[in-house]
Amino acid sequence: MTGLVLIALALMLFIFDVYATTHGVLTIGGVIAFLIGSLMLFNRGDPLFRLSLNYIIPATLVTAAFFIFVIGKACARNGCQ
């Protein structure tokens, strides 16, 4: 349950960073929350409910790259200072 809450927190931080002028600070917090939430979401001790880091890390990197791109475009359009 905590993993889902952390992933939801990460998504909220990503969305808030689009509208706030924090210059990516909330995105970094979102990436960290997404990674920790993904790691907590699956029981790594049970082989049936285990998700490899080979899936978690690329998913985190792709999500981070996407939202960094969105934040960059929002700053370019709105003139973040």
N, C-alpha and C. Protein backbone atom coordinates (compact mmCIF):
# COMPACT_ATOMS: atom_id res chain seq x y z
N MET A 1 0.82 -1.19 0.00
CA MET A 1 0.00 0.00 0.00
C MET A 1 0.87 1.27 0.00
N THR A 2 1.95 1.24 0.73
CA THR A 2 2.84 2.39 0.80
C THR A 2 3.47 2.68 -0.56
N GLY A 3 3.77 1.62 -1.31
CA GLY A 3 4.33 1.80 -2.65
C GLY A 3 3.38 2.55 -3.57
N LEU A 4 2.10 2.22 -3.51
CA LEU A 4 1.11 2.93 -4.32
C LEU A 4 0.97 4.38 -3.91
N VAL A 5 1.03 4.63 -2.60
CA VAL A 5 0.94 6.01 -2.11
C VAL A 5 2.15 6.82 -2.58
N LEU A 6 3.33 6.23 -2.56
CA LEU A 6 4.52 6.94 -3.01
C LEU A 6 4.48 7.21 -4.52
N ILE A 7 3.96 6.28 -5.29
CA ILE A 7 3.84 6.50 -6.73
C ILE A 7 2.81 7.59 -7.00
N ALA A 8 1.70 7.60 -6.27
CA ALA A 8 0.71 8.68 -6.41
C ALA A 8 1.31 10.02 -6.01
N LEU A 9 2.11 10.04 -4.94
CA LEU A 9 2.80 11.26 -4.54
C LEU A 9 3.73 11.74 -5.64
N ALA A 10 4.44 10.81 -6.26
CA ALA A 10 5.35 11.17 -7.35
C ALA A 10 4.58 11.82 -8.49
N LEU A 11 3.45 11.27 -8.86
CA LEU A 11 2.66 11.86 -9.94
C LEU A 11 2.15 13.25 -9.57
N MET A 12 1.75 13.42 -8.32
CA MET A 12 1.31 14.75 -7.87
C MET A 12 2.46 15.75 -7.91
N LEU A 13 3.65 15.33 -7.50
CA LEU A 13 4.81 16.22 -7.55
C LEU A 13 5.16 16.61 -8.98
N PHE A 14 5.05 15.65 -9.90
CA PHE A 14 5.31 15.95 -11.31
C PHE A 14 4.32 17.00 -11.83
N ILE A 15 3.07 16.84 -11.49
CA ILE A 15 2.05 17.78 -11.97
C ILE A 15 2.23 19.15 -11.31
N PHE A 16 2.51 19.18 -10.01
CA PHE A 16 2.71 20.46 -9.33
C PHE A 16 3.91 21.21 -9.89
N ASP A 17 4.93 20.47 -10.31
CA ASP A 17 6.13 21.13 -10.81
C ASP A 17 5.88 21.82 -12.15
N VAL A 18 4.90 21.37 -12.89
CA VAL A 18 4.56 22.05 -14.14
C VAL A 18 4.03 23.45 -13.86
N TYR A 19 3.26 23.59 -12.80
CA TYR A 19 2.62 24.87 -12.50
C TYR A 19 3.41 25.74 -11.52
N ALA A 20 4.30 25.16 -10.74
CA ALA A 20 5.09 25.93 -9.77
C ALA A 20 6.43 26.29 -10.39
N THR A 21 7.01 27.35 -9.92
CA THR A 21 8.32 27.76 -10.43
C THR A 21 9.42 27.27 -9.49
N THR A 22 9.55 25.95 -9.41
CA THR A 22 10.56 25.36 -8.53
C THR A 22 11.78 24.89 -9.30
N HIS A 23 11.78 25.08 -10.61
CA HIS A 23 12.92 24.74 -11.48
C HIS A 23 13.33 23.28 -11.36
N GLY A 24 12.37 22.38 -11.21
CA GLY A 24 12.65 20.96 -11.23
C GLY A 24 12.87 20.30 -9.89
N VAL A 25 12.80 21.04 -8.82
CA VAL A 25 13.01 20.45 -7.50
C VAL A 25 11.93 19.42 -7.19
N LEU A 26 10.69 19.75 -7.52
CA LEU A 26 9.60 18.81 -7.28
C LEU A 26 9.72 17.58 -8.18
N THR A 27 10.26 17.76 -9.38
CA THR A 27 10.46 16.61 -10.27
C THR A 27 11.48 15.65 -9.68
N ILE A 28 12.54 16.18 -9.11
CA ILE A 28 13.56 15.32 -8.48
C ILE A 28 12.94 14.55 -7.31
N GLY A 29 12.13 15.23 -6.51
CA GLY A 29 11.41 14.54 -5.42
C GLY A 29 10.45 13.50 -5.96
N GLY A 30 9.80 13.79 -7.08
CA GLY A 30 8.90 12.84 -7.71
C GLY A 30 9.62 11.61 -8.22
N VAL A 31 10.79 11.81 -8.80
CA VAL A 31 11.58 10.67 -9.29
C VAL A 31 12.00 9.78 -8.14
N ILE A 32 12.43 10.38 -7.04
CA ILE A 32 12.83 9.60 -5.87
C ILE A 32 11.64 8.85 -5.29
N ALA A 33 10.49 9.53 -5.17
CA ALA A 33 9.29 8.87 -4.66
C ALA A 33 8.84 7.75 -5.58
N PHE A 34 8.94 7.95 -6.90
CA PHE A 34 8.56 6.93 -7.87
C PHE A 34 9.46 5.70 -7.74
N LEU A 35 10.76 5.92 -7.61
CA LEU A 35 11.70 4.81 -7.49
C LEU A 35 11.46 4.03 -6.20
N ILE A 36 11.35 4.72 -5.09
CA ILE A 36 11.13 4.04 -3.81
C ILE A 36 9.78 3.33 -3.81
N GLY A 37 8.76 3.99 -4.35
CA GLY A 37 7.44 3.37 -4.42
C GLY A 37 7.45 2.12 -5.29
N SER A 38 8.17 2.16 -6.41
CA SER A 38 8.27 0.99 -7.28
C SER A 38 8.99 -0.15 -6.58
N LEU A 39 10.02 0.18 -5.83
CA LEU A 39 10.75 -0.86 -5.11
C LEU A 39 9.90 -1.47 -4.00
N MET A 40 9.05 -0.66 -3.38
CA MET A 40 8.21 -1.16 -2.28
C MET A 40 6.96 -1.87 -2.79
N LEU A 41 6.60 -1.64 -4.03
CA LEU A 41 5.35 -2.16 -4.56
C LEU A 41 5.35 -3.68 -4.68
N PHE A 42 6.49 -4.25 -4.95
CA PHE A 42 6.58 -5.69 -5.15
C PHE A 42 7.41 -6.32 -4.04
N ASN A 43 6.99 -7.51 -3.61
CA ASN A 43 7.71 -8.26 -2.59
C ASN A 43 8.89 -8.96 -3.26
N ARG A 44 10.08 -8.47 -3.00
CA ARG A 44 11.26 -9.01 -3.67
C ARG A 44 11.68 -10.36 -3.10
N GLY A 45 11.14 -10.76 -1.95
CA GLY A 45 11.48 -12.04 -1.36
C GLY A 45 10.72 -13.20 -1.98
N ASP A 46 9.52 -12.95 -2.46
CA ASP A 46 8.68 -13.98 -3.05
C ASP A 46 8.92 -14.03 -4.55
N PRO A 47 9.34 -15.18 -5.10
CA PRO A 47 9.67 -15.23 -6.53
C PRO A 47 8.46 -15.00 -7.44
N LEU A 48 7.25 -15.23 -6.96
CA LEU A 48 6.07 -15.02 -7.80
C LEU A 48 5.70 -13.55 -7.92
N PHE A 49 6.05 -12.75 -6.91
CA PHE A 49 5.68 -11.34 -6.90
C PHE A 49 6.91 -10.45 -6.93
N ARG A 50 7.89 -10.85 -7.70
CA ARG A 50 9.14 -10.10 -7.77
C ARG A 50 9.23 -9.40 -9.12
N LEU A 51 9.64 -8.15 -9.13
CA LEU A 51 9.87 -7.41 -10.35
C LEU A 51 11.34 -7.03 -10.36
N SER A 52 11.99 -7.35 -11.44
CA SER A 52 13.43 -7.14 -11.56
C SER A 52 13.76 -5.65 -11.63
N LEU A 53 14.94 -5.32 -11.14
CA LEU A 53 15.44 -3.95 -11.29
C LEU A 53 15.63 -3.59 -12.75
N ASN A 54 15.74 -4.61 -13.61
CA ASN A 54 15.87 -4.35 -15.05
C ASN A 54 14.61 -3.70 -15.61
N TYR A 55 13.49 -3.78 -14.91
CA TYR A 55 12.26 -3.11 -15.32
C TYR A 55 12.02 -1.82 -14.54
N ILE A 56 12.38 -1.82 -13.28
CA ILE A 56 12.10 -0.66 -12.43
C ILE A 56 12.96 0.54 -12.81
N ILE A 57 14.25 0.34 -12.99
CA ILE A 57 15.16 1.45 -13.28
C ILE A 57 14.86 2.09 -14.63
N PRO A 58 14.69 1.32 -15.73
CA PRO A 58 14.33 1.99 -16.99
C PRO A 58 12.98 2.70 -16.93
N ALA A 59 12.01 2.13 -16.23
CA ALA A 59 10.71 2.81 -16.09
C ALA A 59 10.88 4.13 -15.35
N THR A 60 11.70 4.14 -14.33
CA THR A 60 11.96 5.38 -13.59
C THR A 60 12.67 6.40 -14.47
N LEU A 61 13.65 5.96 -15.23
CA LEU A 61 14.40 6.87 -16.10
C LEU A 61 13.53 7.44 -17.21
N VAL A 62 12.68 6.62 -17.80
CA VAL A 62 11.78 7.10 -18.86
C VAL A 62 10.78 8.10 -18.29
N THR A 63 10.23 7.79 -17.13
CA THR A 63 9.28 8.71 -16.49
C THR A 63 9.97 10.03 -16.14
N ALA A 64 11.17 9.96 -15.60
CA ALA A 64 11.92 11.18 -15.26
C ALA A 64 12.23 11.99 -16.51
N ALA A 65 12.68 11.33 -17.58
CA ALA A 65 13.01 12.04 -18.82
C ALA A 65 11.77 12.72 -19.40
N PHE A 66 10.64 12.02 -19.36
CA PHE A 66 9.40 12.60 -19.88
C PHE A 66 9.02 13.85 -19.11
N PHE A 67 9.02 13.77 -17.79
CA PHE A 67 8.58 14.93 -17.02
C PHE A 67 9.61 16.04 -17.03
N ILE A 68 10.88 15.73 -17.14
CA ILE A 68 11.88 16.79 -17.30
C ILE A 68 11.66 17.51 -18.63
N PHE A 69 11.32 16.76 -19.67
CA PHE A 69 10.99 17.36 -20.96
C PHE A 69 9.76 18.26 -20.84
N VAL A 70 8.73 17.79 -20.16
CA VAL A 70 7.51 18.58 -19.98
C VAL A 70 7.80 19.84 -19.18
N ILE A 71 8.58 19.73 -18.12
CA ILE A 71 8.93 20.90 -17.31
C ILE A 71 9.74 21.88 -18.15
N GLY A 72 10.67 21.37 -18.95
CA GLY A 72 11.47 22.23 -19.82
C GLY A 72 10.62 22.98 -20.82
N LYS A 73 9.65 22.29 -21.42
CA LYS A 73 8.76 22.95 -22.38
C LYS A 73 7.87 23.98 -21.67
N ALA A 74 7.40 23.67 -20.48
CA ALA A 74 6.56 24.61 -19.74
C ALA A 74 7.37 25.86 -19.38
N CYS A 75 8.62 25.67 -19.00
CA CYS A 75 9.47 26.83 -18.67
C CYS A 75 9.78 27.64 -19.90
N ALA A 76 10.00 26.99 -21.03
CA ALA A 76 10.29 27.71 -22.25
C ALA A 76 9.08 28.52 -22.71
N ARG A 77 7.90 27.96 -22.53
CA ARG A 77 6.68 28.63 -22.96
C ARG A 77 6.30 29.77 -22.01
N ASN A 78 6.43 29.54 -20.72
CA ASN A 78 5.99 30.52 -19.72
C ASN A 78 7.11 31.43 -19.23
N GLY A 79 8.33 31.16 -19.63
CA GLY A 79 9.43 32.00 -19.20
C GLY A 79 9.78 31.84 -17.74
N CYS A 80 10.08 30.62 -17.30
CA CYS A 80 10.46 30.38 -15.90
C CYS A 80 11.72 31.17 -15.57
N GLN A 81 11.74 31.74 -14.38
CA GLN A 81 12.89 32.55 -13.99
C GLN A 81 13.49 32.06 -12.72
